[in-house]
Amino acid sequence: MQMSHKGPFIHGYTELVSPSGATSDMMMSFGVLALTKGEVHHDPTGSGEERVWLLSGGSATIRWGNESQEIERTDLLNDEPWVLSVPSSVEVTIEAGSEGAEFYRCATDNQTQFDSHLYTPSECKSEFRGEGMMNETSTRIVRTVFDDTNRPQSNLVIGEVIGVPGKWSSYPPHHHRQPEIYHYRVFPSQGFGMCLIGETPHVIRDKDTILIHEGEVHPHVAAPGYALWYLWVIRHIENDRYGIQTVPPQYQWVTASDAQIWEPKKKS
């Protein structure tokens, strides 16, 4: 399923994916919070959900429990993120800084009470994947914030990908049982990308959201000249936590060190 969003996000919180109704099979809520200078937003306890807040732009003071931190992000492509993860028992308060602030919020049911953690940019370092393979056609930046290796109490996995202009990401095509949300930003914003979800092609525009279900492959490509940033969130399912991707047999060969991939040659 693809959901498009035209224009800037409105003031306040905009829910993009609901845990009920047509998107209930995602088992997550997901949305964006846009705050003006000095505005305060409270995220109370009592929902029974763990919550994740990722700063996508601007500055803010974020408070959780007895802790607080001033955070800032000026460049979505070049700055690694600040990401707060809290259990259902911890209240979160966000006060926007002088430039305002924009956050992405994801939540899901989780009765486990674990320690809150604010992931710093130094903990979310950029990793170049795809280097040295497939003639560099799938080199991209991956920033995994947390997964089972560093957040086993969470029911979520979260990170960012930056698709390099003209190159592929989420490649080779793969699938998994767990539901996943992709939310996109395009730089410059008038550009586009393309993705294949299962057997259905989609044009990706700035601020679009894609919902990925069990067994659906989801490779992406950024149009030449345009960088494709996307936030990805995976929901673990009971007795089958995310960790292994399945690459269909017809695509497995492309990552081999001796893969014979055709390249054009100029004739003299």
C-alpha atoms as a PDB file:
ATOM      1  CA  MET A   1       0.000   0.000   0.000  1.00  0.00           C
ATOM      2  CA  GLN A   2       1.264   3.473  -0.916  1.00  0.00           C
ATOM      3  CA  MET A   3       0.141   6.665   0.830  1.00  0.00           C
ATOM      4  CA  SER A   4       1.034  10.044  -0.652  1.00  0.00           C
ATOM      5  CA  HIS A   5       1.293  13.345   1.224  1.00  0.00           C
ATOM      6  CA  LYS A   6       1.165  16.607  -0.706  1.00  0.00           C
ATOM      7  CA  GLY A   7       2.770  19.766   0.633  1.00  0.00           C
ATOM      8  CA  PRO A   8       4.403  20.410   4.025  1.00  0.00           C
ATOM      9  CA  PHE A   9       3.241  18.608   7.124  1.00  0.00           C
ATOM     10  CA  ILE A  10       0.670  20.630   9.031  1.00  0.00           C
ATOM     11  CA  HIS A  11       1.328  22.079  12.450  1.00  0.00           C
ATOM     12  CA  GLY A  12       1.105  19.530  15.271  1.00  0.00           C
ATOM     13  CA  TYR A  13       0.965  15.765  14.921  1.00  0.00           C
ATOM     14  CA  THR A  14      -0.056  14.093  11.657  1.00  0.00           C
ATOM     15  CA  GLU A  15      -0.731  10.357  11.871  1.00  0.00           C
ATOM     16  CA  LEU A  16       0.361   8.567   8.707  1.00  0.00           C
ATOM     17  CA  VAL A  17      -0.152   4.947   9.795  1.00  0.00           C
ATOM     18  CA  SER A  18      -2.807   3.912  12.316  1.00  0.00           C
ATOM     19  CA  PRO A  19      -2.767   0.776  14.506  1.00  0.00           C
ATOM     20  CA  SER A  20      -6.469   0.328  13.665  1.00  0.00           C
ATOM     21  CA  GLY A  21      -8.552   0.309  10.522  1.00  0.00           C
ATOM     22  CA  ALA A  22      -7.053  -0.275   7.080  1.00  0.00           C
ATOM     23  CA  THR A  23      -3.442  -0.243   8.328  1.00  0.00           C
ATOM     24  CA  SER A  24      -3.930  -2.356  11.475  1.00  0.00           C
ATOM     25  CA  ASP A  25      -1.887  -5.217   9.986  1.00  0.00           C
ATOM     26  CA  MET A  26       1.224  -3.042  10.446  1.00  0.00           C
ATOM     27  CA  MET A  27       0.760  -3.330  14.248  1.00  0.00           C
ATOM     28  CA  MET A  28       2.292   0.157  14.567  1.00  0.00           C
ATOM     29  CA  SER A  29       1.308   3.789  14.676  1.00  0.00           C
ATOM     30  CA  PHE A  30       3.519   6.199  12.741  1.00  0.00           C
ATOM     31  CA  GLY A  31       3.402   9.914  12.127  1.00  0.00           C
ATOM     32  CA  VAL A  32       5.188  13.255  12.043  1.00  0.00           C
ATOM     33  CA  LEU A  33       5.240  16.038  14.641  1.00  0.00           C
ATOM     34  CA  ALA A  34       5.845  19.620  13.430  1.00  0.00           C
ATOM     35  CA  LEU A  35       6.461  22.228  16.146  1.00  0.00           C
ATOM     36  CA  THR A  36       7.085  25.968  15.949  1.00  0.00           C
ATOM     37  CA  LYS A  37       9.636  27.876  18.041  1.00  0.00           C
ATOM     38  CA  GLY A  38       9.132  27.331  21.778  1.00  0.00           C
ATOM     39  CA  GLU A  39       6.125  25.047  21.349  1.00  0.00           C
ATOM     40  CA  VAL A  40       5.823  22.148  23.801  1.00  0.00           C
ATOM     41  CA  HIS A  41       4.417  18.695  23.057  1.00  0.00           C
ATOM     42  CA  HIS A  42       3.603  16.083  25.730  1.00  0.00           C
ATOM     43  CA  ASP A  43       3.494  12.349  25.021  1.00  0.00           C
ATOM     44  CA  PRO A  44       1.925  10.843  28.173  1.00  0.00           C
ATOM     45  CA  THR A  45       2.012   7.323  29.570  1.00  0.00           C
ATOM     46  CA  GLY A  46      -0.934   4.962  29.732  1.00  0.00           C
ATOM     47  CA  SER A  47      -1.112   3.788  26.136  1.00  0.00           C
ATOM     48  CA  GLY A  48       0.662   0.476  26.788  1.00  0.00           C
ATOM     49  CA  GLU A  49       2.996   1.292  23.874  1.00  0.00           C
ATOM     50  CA  GLU A  50       6.713   1.725  23.565  1.00  0.00           C
ATOM     51  CA  ARG A  51       7.531   4.856  21.568  1.00  0.00           C
ATOM     52  CA  VAL A  52      10.370   6.040  19.370  1.00  0.00           C
ATOM     53  CA  TRP A  53      11.065   9.680  18.468  1.00  0.00           C
ATOM     54  CA  LEU A  54      13.499  10.499  15.625  1.00  0.00           C
ATOM     55  CA  LEU A  55      14.542  14.113  14.998  1.00  0.00           C
ATOM     56  CA  SER A  56      14.388  14.874  11.277  1.00  0.00           C
ATOM     57  CA  GLY A  57      15.069  18.601  11.436  1.00  0.00           C
ATOM     58  CA  GLY A  58      15.433  21.664  13.649  1.00  0.00           C
ATOM     59  CA  SER A  59      16.311  21.737  17.330  1.00  0.00           C
ATOM     60  CA  ALA A  60      14.594  20.824  20.576  1.00  0.00           C
ATOM     61  CA  THR A  61      14.972  19.985  24.220  1.00  0.00           C
ATOM     62  CA  ILE A  62      13.646  16.487  24.768  1.00  0.00           C
ATOM     63  CA  ARG A  63      12.799  15.230  28.266  1.00  0.00           C
ATOM     64  CA  TRP A  64      12.059  11.696  29.408  1.00  0.00           C
ATOM     65  CA  GLY A  65      11.755  10.581  33.021  1.00  0.00           C
ATOM     66  CA  ASN A  66      14.326  12.596  34.963  1.00  0.00           C
ATOM     67  CA  GLU A  67      16.601  13.171  31.979  1.00  0.00           C
ATOM     68  CA  SER A  68      16.791  15.790  29.236  1.00  0.00           C
ATOM     69  CA  GLN A  69      18.959  16.690  26.269  1.00  0.00           C
ATOM     70  CA  GLU A  70      19.217  19.537  23.789  1.00  0.00           C
ATOM     71  CA  ILE A  71      19.406  18.095  20.288  1.00  0.00           C
ATOM     72  CA  GLU A  72      19.747  19.521  16.781  1.00  0.00           C
ATOM     73  CA  ARG A  73      19.745  18.280  13.195  1.00  0.00           C
ATOM     74  CA  THR A  74      20.348  20.618  10.288  1.00  0.00           C
ATOM     75  CA  ASP A  75      20.850  18.177   7.403  1.00  0.00           C
ATOM     76  CA  LEU A  76      18.845  14.989   6.964  1.00  0.00           C
ATOM     77  CA  LEU A  77      21.314  13.561   4.447  1.00  0.00           C
ATOM     78  CA  ASN A  78      24.625  14.393   6.100  1.00  0.00           C
ATOM     79  CA  ASP A  79      23.737  14.418   9.826  1.00  0.00           C
ATOM     80  CA  GLU A  80      23.196  11.151  11.658  1.00  0.00           C
ATOM     81  CA  PRO A  81      20.005  11.123  13.769  1.00  0.00           C
ATOM     82  CA  TRP A  82      19.087  11.581  17.403  1.00  0.00           C
ATOM     83  CA  VAL A  83      16.558   8.870  18.374  1.00  0.00           C
ATOM     84  CA  LEU A  84      14.782   8.432  21.718  1.00  0.00           C
ATOM     85  CA  SER A  85      13.356   5.006  22.637  1.00  0.00           C
ATOM     86  CA  VAL A  86      11.159   4.719  25.743  1.00  0.00           C
ATOM     87  CA  PRO A  87       8.884   2.049  27.263  1.00  0.00           C
ATOM     88  CA  SER A  88       5.181   2.601  27.917  1.00  0.00           C
ATOM     89  CA  SER A  89       5.745   3.850  31.499  1.00  0.00           C
ATOM     90  CA  VAL A  90       7.883   6.872  30.551  1.00  0.00           C
ATOM     91  CA  GLU A  91       6.429  10.270  29.631  1.00  0.00           C
ATOM     92  CA  VAL A  92       8.128  12.322  26.921  1.00  0.00           C
ATOM     93  CA  THR A  93       8.086  16.125  26.583  1.00  0.00           C
ATOM     94  CA  ILE A  94       9.489  17.959  23.567  1.00  0.00           C
ATOM     95  CA  GLU A  95      10.128  21.716  23.503  1.00  0.00           C
ATOM     96  CA  ALA A  96      11.029  23.100  20.086  1.00  0.00           C
ATOM     97  CA  GLY A  97      14.099  25.299  19.713  1.00  0.00           C
ATOM     98  CA  SER A  98      14.611  28.572  17.867  1.00  0.00           C
ATOM     99  CA  GLU A  99      14.147  27.054  14.404  1.00  0.00           C
ATOM    100  CA  GLY A 100      11.233  24.833  15.335  1.00  0.00           C
ATOM    101  CA  ALA A 101      11.477  21.040  15.149  1.00  0.00           C
ATOM    102  CA  GLU A 102      10.208  18.071  13.185  1.00  0.00           C
ATOM    103  CA  PHE A 103      10.103  14.535  14.584  1.00  0.00           C
ATOM    104  CA  TYR A 104       8.939  11.165  13.340  1.00  0.00           C
ATOM    105  CA  ARG A 105       7.149   9.069  15.969  1.00  0.00           C
ATOM    106  CA  CYS A 106       6.541   5.322  15.928  1.00  0.00           C
ATOM    107  CA  ALA A 107       4.781   3.291  18.618  1.00  0.00           C
ATOM    108  CA  THR A 108       3.685  -0.296  19.154  1.00  0.00           C
ATOM    109  CA  ASP A 109       2.265  -2.480  21.919  1.00  0.00           C
ATOM    110  CA  ASN A 110       4.884  -3.592  24.421  1.00  0.00           C
ATOM    111  CA  GLN A 111       4.260  -4.341  28.108  1.00  0.00           C
ATOM    112  CA  THR A 112       7.976  -4.926  28.813  1.00  0.00           C
ATOM    113  CA  GLN A 113       9.524  -2.127  30.875  1.00  0.00           C
ATOM    114  CA  PHE A 114      13.082  -1.528  29.726  1.00  0.00           C
ATOM    115  CA  ASP A 115      15.562   1.320  30.196  1.00  0.00           C
ATOM    116  CA  SER A 116      14.983   4.395  28.067  1.00  0.00           C
ATOM    117  CA  HIS A 117      17.819   5.346  25.750  1.00  0.00           C
ATOM    118  CA  LEU A 118      18.628   8.395  23.649  1.00  0.00           C
ATOM    119  CA  TYR A 119      20.678   7.224  20.674  1.00  0.00           C
ATOM    120  CA  THR A 120      23.204   9.882  19.710  1.00  0.00           C
ATOM    121  CA  PRO A 121      24.487  10.586  16.185  1.00  0.00           C
ATOM    122  CA  SER A 122      27.757   8.862  17.118  1.00  0.00           C
ATOM    123  CA  GLU A 123      25.782   5.684  17.863  1.00  0.00           C
ATOM    124  CA  CYS A 124      24.000   5.846  14.484  1.00  0.00           C
ATOM    125  CA  LYS A 125      27.006   6.107  12.195  1.00  0.00           C
ATOM    126  CA  SER A 126      26.656   5.891   8.440  1.00  0.00           C
ATOM    127  CA  GLU A 127      27.618   2.554   6.884  1.00  0.00           C
ATOM    128  CA  PHE A 128      28.270   2.268   3.173  1.00  0.00           C
ATOM    129  CA  ARG A 129      26.718  -0.932   1.852  1.00  0.00           C
ATOM    130  CA  GLY A 130      27.062  -2.427  -1.590  1.00  0.00           C
ATOM    131  CA  GLU A 131      30.601  -1.167  -2.120  1.00  0.00           C
ATOM    132  CA  GLY A 132      32.644  -3.331  -4.460  1.00  0.00           C
ATOM    133  CA  MET A 133      29.613  -5.218  -5.759  1.00  0.00           C
ATOM    134  CA  MET A 134      27.276  -4.975  -8.755  1.00  0.00           C
ATOM    135  CA  ASN A 135      29.514  -2.334 -10.398  1.00  0.00           C
ATOM    136  CA  GLU A 136      28.636   0.041  -7.525  1.00  0.00           C
ATOM    137  CA  THR A 137      25.040   0.302  -8.743  1.00  0.00           C
ATOM    138  CA  SER A 138      23.666  -0.454  -5.267  1.00  0.00           C
ATOM    139  CA  THR A 139      26.053   1.499  -3.049  1.00  0.00           C
ATOM    140  CA  ARG A 140      23.986   3.307  -0.402  1.00  0.00           C
ATOM    141  CA  ILE A 141      24.196   4.637   3.152  1.00  0.00           C
ATOM    142  CA  VAL A 142      22.550   2.656   5.971  1.00  0.00           C
ATOM    143  CA  ARG A 143      22.128   3.925   9.523  1.00  0.00           C
ATOM    144  CA  THR A 144      20.714   1.201  11.771  1.00  0.00           C
ATOM    145  CA  VAL A 145      19.651   2.840  15.042  1.00  0.00           C
ATOM    146  CA  PHE A 146      18.687  -0.310  16.922  1.00  0.00           C
ATOM    147  CA  ASP A 147      17.753  -3.929  16.333  1.00  0.00           C
ATOM    148  CA  ASP A 148      17.994  -7.148  18.354  1.00  0.00           C
ATOM    149  CA  THR A 149      21.750  -6.722  18.784  1.00  0.00           C
ATOM    150  CA  ASN A 150      21.429  -3.581  20.920  1.00  0.00           C
ATOM    151  CA  ARG A 151      17.709  -3.357  21.838  1.00  0.00           C
ATOM    152  CA  PRO A 152      16.378  -6.907  22.377  1.00  0.00           C
ATOM    153  CA  GLN A 153      13.558  -5.719  24.682  1.00  0.00           C
ATOM    154  CA  SER A 154      11.987  -3.617  21.936  1.00  0.00           C
ATOM    155  CA  ASN A 155       9.340  -4.834  19.517  1.00  0.00           C
ATOM    156  CA  LEU A 156      10.761  -2.531  16.843  1.00  0.00           C
ATOM    157  CA  VAL A 157      13.762  -2.214  14.538  1.00  0.00           C
ATOM    158  CA  ILE A 158      14.488   1.257  13.155  1.00  0.00           C
ATOM    159  CA  GLY A 159      16.980   2.968  10.875  1.00  0.00           C
ATOM    160  CA  GLU A 160      17.573   5.220   7.890  1.00  0.00           C
ATOM    161  CA  VAL A 161      18.748   4.613   4.328  1.00  0.00           C
ATOM    162  CA  ILE A 162      20.021   7.160   1.832  1.00  0.00           C
ATOM    163  CA  GLY A 163      19.717   6.066  -1.768  1.00  0.00           C
ATOM    164  CA  VAL A 164      22.485   7.669  -3.833  1.00  0.00           C
ATOM    165  CA  PRO A 165      21.213   9.477  -6.959  1.00  0.00           C
ATOM    166  CA  GLY A 166      20.809   6.996  -9.802  1.00  0.00           C
ATOM    167  CA  LYS A 167      21.524   3.944  -7.638  1.00  0.00           C
ATOM    168  CA  TRP A 168      19.527   1.136  -6.036  1.00  0.00           C
ATOM    169  CA  SER A 169      18.894   0.380  -2.375  1.00  0.00           C
ATOM    170  CA  SER A 170      17.124  -2.424  -0.509  1.00  0.00           C
ATOM    171  CA  TYR A 171      18.891  -4.523  -3.114  1.00  0.00           C
ATOM    172  CA  PRO A 172      19.147  -7.351  -4.025  1.00  0.00           C
ATOM    173  CA  PRO A 173      15.379  -7.776  -3.720  1.00  0.00           C
ATOM    174  CA  HIS A 174      14.510  -9.443  -0.436  1.00  0.00           C
ATOM    175  CA  HIS A 175      11.527 -10.103   1.800  1.00  0.00           C
ATOM    176  CA  HIS A 176      10.705 -11.064   5.383  1.00  0.00           C
ATOM    177  CA  ARG A 177       7.675 -12.023   7.443  1.00  0.00           C
ATOM    178  CA  GLN A 178       7.611  -8.921   9.627  1.00  0.00           C
ATOM    179  CA  PRO A 179       5.655  -5.794   8.562  1.00  0.00           C
ATOM    180  CA  GLU A 180       7.705  -2.740   7.632  1.00  0.00           C
ATOM    181  CA  ILE A 181       7.050   0.964   7.043  1.00  0.00           C
ATOM    182  CA  TYR A 182       9.116   3.047   4.602  1.00  0.00           C
ATOM    183  CA  HIS A 183       8.742   6.839   4.704  1.00  0.00           C
ATOM    184  CA  TYR A 184      10.534   8.929   2.075  1.00  0.00           C
ATOM    185  CA  ARG A 185      12.094  12.325   1.563  1.00  0.00           C
ATOM    186  CA  VAL A 186      13.482  13.330  -1.835  1.00  0.00           C
ATOM    187  CA  PHE A 187      16.321  15.853  -2.328  1.00  0.00           C
ATOM    188  CA  PRO A 188      15.646  18.133  -4.182  1.00  0.00           C
ATOM    189  CA  SER A 189      12.009  17.641  -3.264  1.00  0.00           C
ATOM    190  CA  GLN A 190      10.584  17.871  -6.805  1.00  0.00           C
ATOM    191  CA  GLY A 191      12.357  14.629  -7.755  1.00  0.00           C
ATOM    192  CA  PHE A 192      11.269  11.033  -7.520  1.00  0.00           C
ATOM    193  CA  GLY A 193      12.314   7.439  -7.088  1.00  0.00           C
ATOM    194  CA  MET A 194      10.810   4.075  -7.981  1.00  0.00           C
ATOM    195  CA  CYS A 195      10.121   0.952  -5.971  1.00  0.00           C
ATOM    196  CA  LEU A 196       8.716  -2.508  -6.533  1.00  0.00           C
ATOM    197  CA  ILE A 197       6.518  -3.835  -3.713  1.00  0.00           C
ATOM    198  CA  GLY A 198       5.835  -7.461  -4.470  1.00  0.00           C
ATOM    199  CA  GLU A 199       4.891  -7.332  -8.144  1.00  0.00           C
ATOM    200  CA  THR A 200       3.517  -3.776  -8.062  1.00  0.00           C
ATOM    201  CA  PRO A 201       5.642  -0.781  -9.193  1.00  0.00           C
ATOM    202  CA  HIS A 202       5.274   2.598  -7.459  1.00  0.00           C
ATOM    203  CA  VAL A 203       6.551   6.096  -8.180  1.00  0.00           C
ATOM    204  CA  ILE A 204       7.961   7.586  -4.958  1.00  0.00           C
ATOM    205  CA  ARG A 205       7.543  11.287  -4.252  1.00  0.00           C
ATOM    206  CA  ASP A 206       8.661  13.436  -1.332  1.00  0.00           C
ATOM    207  CA  LYS A 207       6.838  12.521   1.920  1.00  0.00           C
ATOM    208  CA  ASP A 208       5.280   9.318   0.545  1.00  0.00           C
ATOM    209  CA  THR A 209       4.851   6.279   2.794  1.00  0.00           C
ATOM    210  CA  ILE A 210       4.903   2.625   1.719  1.00  0.00           C
ATOM    211  CA  LEU A 211       3.600  -0.321   3.767  1.00  0.00           C
ATOM    212  CA  ILE A 212       5.405  -3.631   3.202  1.00  0.00           C
ATOM    213  CA  HIS A 213       3.739  -6.933   4.103  1.00  0.00           C
ATOM    214  CA  GLU A 214       4.946 -10.491   4.568  1.00  0.00           C
ATOM    215  CA  GLY A 215       6.696 -11.947   1.542  1.00  0.00           C
ATOM    216  CA  GLU A 216       6.815  -8.724  -0.506  1.00  0.00           C
ATOM    217  CA  VAL A 217      10.168  -7.839  -2.062  1.00  0.00           C
ATOM    218  CA  HIS A 218      10.908  -4.094  -1.922  1.00  0.00           C
ATOM    219  CA  PRO A 219      13.878  -2.888  -4.034  1.00  0.00           C
ATOM    220  CA  HIS A 220      14.234   0.859  -4.693  1.00  0.00           C
ATOM    221  CA  VAL A 221      16.033   3.130  -7.110  1.00  0.00           C
ATOM    222  CA  ALA A 222      16.637   6.882  -6.913  1.00  0.00           C
ATOM    223  CA  ALA A 223      16.260   8.963 -10.066  1.00  0.00           C
ATOM    224  CA  PRO A 224      19.573  10.404 -11.339  1.00  0.00           C
ATOM    225  CA  GLY A 225      20.223  13.752  -9.657  1.00  0.00           C
ATOM    226  CA  TYR A 226      17.979  13.026  -6.668  1.00  0.00           C
ATOM    227  CA  ALA A 227      18.915  11.545  -3.289  1.00  0.00           C
ATOM    228  CA  LEU A 228      16.272   9.291  -1.731  1.00  0.00           C
ATOM    229  CA  TRP A 229      16.223   9.325   2.084  1.00  0.00           C
ATOM    230  CA  TYR A 230      13.891   6.939   3.846  1.00  0.00           C
ATOM    231  CA  LEU A 231      13.091   5.977   7.397  1.00  0.00           C
ATOM    232  CA  TRP A 232      12.366   2.284   7.884  1.00  0.00           C
ATOM    233  CA  VAL A 233      10.616   0.684  10.859  1.00  0.00           C
ATOM    234  CA  ILE A 234      10.081  -3.057  11.261  1.00  0.00           C
ATOM    235  CA  ARG A 235       7.706  -4.655  13.787  1.00  0.00           C
ATOM    236  CA  HIS A 236       8.886  -7.926  15.328  1.00  0.00           C
ATOM    237  CA  ILE A 237       6.151 -10.569  15.418  1.00  0.00           C
ATOM    238  CA  GLU A 238       5.566 -13.063  18.196  1.00  0.00           C
ATOM    239  CA  ASN A 239       7.928 -16.041  18.053  1.00  0.00           C
ATOM    240  CA  ASP A 240       9.566 -14.667  14.896  1.00  0.00           C
ATOM    241  CA  ARG A 241      11.723 -11.633  15.493  1.00  0.00           C
ATOM    242  CA  TYR A 242      13.285  -9.878  12.530  1.00  0.00           C
ATOM    243  CA  GLY A 243      16.885 -10.735  11.789  1.00  0.00           C
ATOM    244  CA  ILE A 244      17.180 -12.624   8.525  1.00  0.00           C
ATOM    245  CA  GLN A 245      16.124 -11.495   5.068  1.00  0.00           C
ATOM    246  CA  THR A 246      15.204 -13.905   2.285  1.00  0.00           C
ATOM    247  CA  VAL A 247      16.624 -13.183  -1.168  1.00  0.00           C
ATOM    248  CA  PRO A 248      14.749 -15.056  -3.932  1.00  0.00           C
ATOM    249  CA  PRO A 249      17.031 -17.542  -5.754  1.00  0.00           C
ATOM    250  CA  GLN A 250      16.953 -15.644  -9.050  1.00  0.00           C
ATOM    251  CA  TYR A 251      18.664 -12.635  -7.425  1.00  0.00           C
ATOM    252  CA  GLN A 252      21.205 -14.317  -5.154  1.00  0.00           C
ATOM    253  CA  TRP A 253      24.029 -14.395  -7.719  1.00  0.00           C
ATOM    254  CA  VAL A 254      24.397 -10.618  -8.103  1.00  0.00           C
ATOM    255  CA  THR A 255      26.394 -10.117  -4.878  1.00  0.00           C
ATOM    256  CA  ALA A 256      28.987 -12.817  -5.553  1.00  0.00           C
ATOM    257  CA  SER A 257      32.548 -11.519  -5.837  1.00  0.00           C
ATOM    258  CA  ASP A 258      32.931 -13.212  -9.225  1.00  0.00           C
ATOM    259  CA  ALA A 259      29.484 -12.250 -10.573  1.00  0.00           C
ATOM    260  CA  GLN A 260      29.663 -11.671 -14.324  1.00  0.00           C
ATOM    261  CA  ILE A 261      27.671  -8.467 -14.860  1.00  0.00           C
ATOM    262  CA  TRP A 262      27.554  -6.969 -18.338  1.00  0.00           C
ATOM    263  CA  GLU A 263      29.092  -3.543 -18.856  1.00  0.00           C
ATOM    264  CA  PRO A 264      28.894  -1.430 -22.040  1.00  0.00           C
ATOM    265  CA  LYS A 265      32.099  -0.930 -24.015  1.00  0.00           C
ATOM    266  CA  LYS A 266      32.747   1.848 -26.462  1.00  0.00           C
ATOM    267  CA  LYS A 267      33.732   0.733 -29.928  1.00  0.00           C
ATOM    268  CA  SER A 268      36.730   2.409 -31.501  1.00  0.00           C
END
